[in-house]
N, C-alpha and C. Protein backbone atom coordinates (compact mmCIF):
# COMPACT_ATOMS: atom_id res chain seq x y z
N MET A 1 3.56 -3.38 -13.37
CA MET A 1 4.30 -4.46 -13.52
C MET A 1 3.94 -5.54 -12.83
N LEU A 2 3.88 -5.41 -11.30
CA LEU A 2 3.66 -6.84 -11.38
C LEU A 2 2.55 -8.07 -11.64
N ASP A 3 1.58 -6.99 -12.30
CA ASP A 3 0.25 -8.14 -12.97
C ASP A 3 1.08 -9.10 -13.72
N THR A 4 1.84 -8.43 -15.13
CA THR A 4 2.86 -9.53 -16.03
C THR A 4 3.92 -9.89 -15.58
N ASP A 5 4.12 -10.26 -14.57
CA ASP A 5 5.11 -11.04 -14.11
C ASP A 5 6.60 -11.16 -15.37
N GLN A 6 6.76 -9.65 -16.04
CA GLN A 6 8.18 -10.33 -16.42
C GLN A 6 8.83 -9.15 -15.45
N TYR A 7 8.49 -8.85 -14.54
CA TYR A 7 9.59 -8.25 -13.53
C TYR A 7 9.80 -8.65 -12.61
N HIS A 8 11.00 -9.11 -12.30
CA HIS A 8 11.25 -9.24 -10.34
C HIS A 8 10.78 -7.70 -9.82
N GLN A 9 10.30 -8.26 -8.57
CA GLN A 9 10.11 -6.97 -7.32
C GLN A 9 11.05 -6.09 -7.40
N HIS A 10 12.99 -6.49 -7.35
CA HIS A 10 13.35 -5.86 -7.10
C HIS A 10 14.12 -4.94 -8.53
N GLN A 11 13.86 -5.06 -9.65
CA GLN A 11 13.65 -5.08 -10.96
C GLN A 11 12.75 -4.07 -10.67
N ILE A 12 11.35 -4.08 -10.40
CA ILE A 12 10.48 -2.83 -9.98
C ILE A 12 10.86 -1.35 -9.15
N ALA A 13 11.28 -2.27 -7.77
CA ALA A 13 12.15 -1.36 -6.85
C ALA A 13 13.04 -0.14 -8.17
N ALA A 14 13.72 -1.54 -9.11
CA ALA A 14 14.58 -0.43 -9.17
C ALA A 14 14.40 0.87 -10.29
N ILE A 15 13.82 0.46 -11.01
CA ILE A 15 13.18 1.15 -11.89
C ILE A 15 11.93 2.44 -11.13
N GLU A 16 11.13 2.19 -10.24
CA GLU A 16 10.74 2.99 -9.35
C GLU A 16 11.38 3.88 -8.43
N GLN A 17 12.18 3.57 -8.17
CA GLN A 17 13.46 4.09 -7.34
C GLN A 17 12.68 4.46 -5.73
N VAL A 18 12.33 2.91 -5.42
CA VAL A 18 12.06 3.01 -4.17
C VAL A 18 12.57 1.31 -3.55
N ASN A 19 11.55 1.14 -2.26
CA ASN A 19 12.70 0.02 -1.26
C ASN A 19 11.69 -1.11 -2.15
N PRO A 20 12.29 -2.35 -2.03
CA PRO A 20 11.71 -3.49 -2.27
C PRO A 20 10.44 -3.66 -1.84
N GLY A 21 10.63 -3.56 -0.06
CA GLY A 21 9.89 -4.06 0.34
C GLY A 21 8.83 -2.92 0.38
N ARG A 22 8.26 -1.85 -0.35
CA ARG A 22 7.35 -1.00 -0.45
C ARG A 22 6.81 -1.84 -2.00
N VAL A 23 7.55 -2.54 -2.64
CA VAL A 23 6.94 -3.08 -3.85
C VAL A 23 6.34 -4.26 -3.29
N SER A 24 6.79 -5.27 -2.42
CA SER A 24 6.22 -6.46 -1.63
C SER A 24 5.00 -5.80 -0.83
N GLU A 25 4.87 -4.80 0.27
CA GLU A 25 3.70 -4.83 0.11
C GLU A 25 3.04 -3.92 -0.26
N ILE A 26 2.53 -3.79 -1.85
CA ILE A 26 2.19 -3.27 -2.62
C ILE A 26 0.99 -4.27 -2.82
N LYS A 27 2.06 -5.26 -3.38
CA LYS A 27 1.99 -7.14 -4.18
C LYS A 27 0.60 -7.49 -3.46
N HIS A 28 0.79 -7.26 -1.82
CA HIS A 28 0.00 -8.10 -0.96
C HIS A 28 -0.83 -7.10 -0.27
N GLY A 29 -1.19 -6.02 -1.01
CA GLY A 29 -2.52 -4.72 -0.60
C GLY A 29 -2.32 -4.36 0.57
N GLN A 30 -0.60 -3.71 1.59
CA GLN A 30 -0.38 -3.78 2.21
C GLN A 30 -0.47 -2.10 2.50
N TRP A 31 0.06 -1.89 1.28
CA TRP A 31 0.19 -0.32 1.00
C TRP A 31 -0.91 0.22 -0.09
N ASP A 32 -1.58 1.64 0.02
CA ASP A 32 -1.98 1.87 -1.57
C ASP A 32 -1.06 2.85 -1.66
N TRP A 33 -0.58 2.49 -2.63
CA TRP A 33 0.75 3.35 -3.59
C TRP A 33 -0.48 4.71 -3.74
N LYS A 34 -1.51 4.84 -4.03
CA LYS A 34 -2.37 6.46 -4.30
C LYS A 34 -2.08 7.01 -3.38
N LEU A 35 -1.94 6.73 -1.76
CA LEU A 35 -2.02 7.49 -0.66
C LEU A 35 -0.66 8.15 -1.41
N SER A 36 -0.64 9.52 -0.15
CA SER A 36 0.97 10.30 -0.61
C SER A 36 1.39 9.77 1.21
N ILE A 37 2.83 9.64 1.16
CA ILE A 37 3.59 9.61 2.40
C ILE A 37 2.99 10.25 3.80
N GLU A 38 2.27 11.35 3.40
CA GLU A 38 1.91 12.06 5.19
C GLU A 38 0.59 11.40 5.03
N ASP A 39 -0.11 11.28 4.23
CA ASP A 39 -1.31 10.52 4.55
C ASP A 39 -1.14 9.54 5.10
N LYS A 40 -0.54 8.57 5.07
CA LYS A 40 -0.42 7.28 5.07
C LYS A 40 0.12 7.27 6.69
N GLN A 41 1.15 8.09 7.14
CA GLN A 41 1.55 8.47 8.71
C GLN A 41 0.35 8.93 9.11
N GLN A 42 -0.24 9.87 8.46
CA GLN A 42 -1.18 10.53 9.36
C GLN A 42 -2.20 8.97 9.65
N SER A 43 -2.66 8.29 9.11
CA SER A 43 -3.41 7.25 9.25
C SER A 43 -2.85 6.15 10.45
N LEU A 44 -1.78 6.03 10.66
CA LEU A 44 -0.67 5.66 11.64
C LEU A 44 -1.03 5.98 12.93
N LEU A 45 -1.27 7.22 13.19
CA LEU A 45 -1.65 7.99 14.21
C LEU A 45 -2.70 7.27 15.07
């Protein structure tokens, strides 16, 4: 959805039921959406 410019980030967040900040992180390559939350937390340790 980010690639099409059809939706704003807040609209994508509402559709996917996530925090708008998470959409921004994904857009800027700061968060890999393929990882589970547990995997992401483990990588921070």
